[in-house]
């Protein structure tokens, strides 16, 4: 049986949320950041 931690750790392929450059109250769309090269800010 899978534990919550195992499932959560398996999601490492998802990009980290990035705030939109246009509206700081929203995040950039998934399609724009998926497989993009992201640097630490």
N, C-alpha and C. Protein backbone atom coordinates (compact mmCIF):
# COMPACT_ATOMS: atom_id res chain seq x y z
N UNK A 1 0.85 -1.18 0.00
CA UNK A 1 0.00 0.00 0.00
C UNK A 1 0.90 1.25 0.00
N UNK A 2 0.60 2.20 -0.88
CA UNK A 2 1.37 3.43 -0.96
C UNK A 2 1.02 4.38 0.17
N UNK A 3 2.02 5.00 0.70
CA UNK A 3 1.83 6.02 1.73
C UNK A 3 1.79 7.39 1.06
N UNK A 4 1.22 8.35 1.75
CA UNK A 4 1.14 9.70 1.21
C UNK A 4 2.52 10.23 0.85
N UNK A 5 3.52 10.02 1.69
CA UNK A 5 4.87 10.52 1.42
C UNK A 5 5.45 9.91 0.15
N UNK A 6 5.17 8.63 -0.10
CA UNK A 6 5.66 7.99 -1.31
C UNK A 6 5.04 8.61 -2.56
N UNK A 7 3.75 8.88 -2.48
CA UNK A 7 3.06 9.50 -3.62
C UNK A 7 3.59 10.92 -3.84
N UNK A 8 3.71 11.68 -2.76
CA UNK A 8 4.20 13.06 -2.87
C UNK A 8 5.61 13.10 -3.44
N UNK A 9 6.48 12.22 -3.00
CA UNK A 9 7.86 12.19 -3.49
C UNK A 9 7.95 11.76 -4.94
N UNK A 10 6.96 11.06 -5.44
CA UNK A 10 6.95 10.63 -6.83
C UNK A 10 6.57 11.77 -7.78
N UNK A 11 6.15 12.90 -7.25
CA UNK A 11 5.74 14.03 -8.08
C UNK A 11 6.89 14.99 -8.38
N UNK A 12 8.12 14.53 -8.27
CA UNK A 12 9.27 15.41 -8.46
C UNK A 12 9.42 15.93 -9.89
N UNK A 13 8.70 15.36 -10.83
CA UNK A 13 8.76 15.82 -12.22
C UNK A 13 7.94 17.08 -12.46
N UNK A 14 7.08 17.45 -11.50
CA UNK A 14 6.28 18.66 -11.65
C UNK A 14 7.13 19.91 -11.38
N UNK A 15 6.96 20.96 -12.16
CA UNK A 15 7.74 22.18 -11.94
C UNK A 15 7.29 22.91 -10.68
N UNK A 16 8.21 23.63 -10.07
CA UNK A 16 7.86 24.47 -8.93
C UNK A 16 7.01 25.64 -9.41
N UNK A 17 6.07 26.09 -8.59
CA UNK A 17 5.26 27.23 -8.98
C UNK A 17 6.11 28.50 -9.14
N UNK A 18 5.82 29.27 -10.15
CA UNK A 18 6.55 30.51 -10.42
C UNK A 18 5.52 31.63 -10.56
N UNK A 19 5.73 32.71 -9.82
CA UNK A 19 4.81 33.84 -9.92
C UNK A 19 4.85 34.44 -11.31
N UNK A 20 3.72 34.87 -11.79
CA UNK A 20 3.61 35.53 -13.08
C UNK A 20 4.36 36.85 -13.04
N UNK A 21 4.99 37.21 -14.15
CA UNK A 21 5.68 38.49 -14.23
C UNK A 21 4.69 39.63 -14.46
N UNK A 22 3.48 39.29 -14.91
CA UNK A 22 2.47 40.29 -15.19
C UNK A 22 1.64 40.60 -13.94
N UNK A 23 1.27 39.56 -13.22
CA UNK A 23 0.40 39.73 -12.06
C UNK A 23 0.95 38.89 -10.90
N UNK A 24 1.53 39.53 -9.92
CA UNK A 24 2.18 38.83 -8.82
C UNK A 24 1.21 38.08 -7.91
N UNK A 25 -0.09 38.23 -8.12
CA UNK A 25 -1.08 37.49 -7.35
C UNK A 25 -1.41 36.13 -7.98
N UNK A 26 -0.81 35.83 -9.14
CA UNK A 26 -1.09 34.60 -9.85
C UNK A 26 0.23 33.92 -10.24
N UNK A 27 0.13 32.65 -10.53
CA UNK A 27 1.29 31.90 -10.99
C UNK A 27 1.30 31.82 -12.51
N UNK A 28 2.48 31.57 -13.06
CA UNK A 28 2.62 31.36 -14.49
C UNK A 28 1.91 30.06 -14.86
N UNK A 29 1.32 30.00 -16.03
CA UNK A 29 0.60 28.81 -16.47
C UNK A 29 1.54 27.61 -16.55
N UNK A 30 0.98 26.45 -16.24
CA UNK A 30 1.75 25.20 -16.25
C UNK A 30 2.44 24.98 -17.59
N UNK A 31 1.75 25.22 -18.68
CA UNK A 31 2.30 24.99 -20.02
C UNK A 31 3.54 25.84 -20.27
N UNK A 32 3.63 27.00 -19.63
CA UNK A 32 4.76 27.91 -19.86
C UNK A 32 6.00 27.48 -19.09
N UNK A 33 5.82 26.76 -17.99
CA UNK A 33 6.98 26.38 -17.18
C UNK A 33 7.35 24.91 -17.28
N UNK A 34 6.45 24.09 -17.80
CA UNK A 34 6.74 22.66 -17.91
C UNK A 34 7.90 22.43 -18.85
N UNK A 35 8.91 21.75 -18.40
CA UNK A 35 10.14 21.42 -19.11
C UNK A 35 10.96 22.65 -19.48
N UNK A 36 10.73 23.77 -18.83
CA UNK A 36 11.54 24.97 -19.05
C UNK A 36 12.73 24.93 -18.10
N UNK A 37 13.81 25.54 -18.52
CA UNK A 37 14.98 25.64 -17.65
C UNK A 37 14.75 26.79 -16.68
N UNK A 38 14.77 26.47 -15.39
CA UNK A 38 14.49 27.44 -14.35
C UNK A 38 15.74 27.61 -13.49
N UNK A 39 16.08 28.86 -13.21
CA UNK A 39 17.22 29.12 -12.33
C UNK A 39 16.69 29.51 -10.94
N UNK A 40 17.50 29.29 -9.93
CA UNK A 40 17.11 29.68 -8.58
C UNK A 40 17.09 31.20 -8.50
N UNK A 41 16.04 31.75 -7.93
CA UNK A 41 15.94 33.21 -7.85
C UNK A 41 15.95 33.65 -6.42
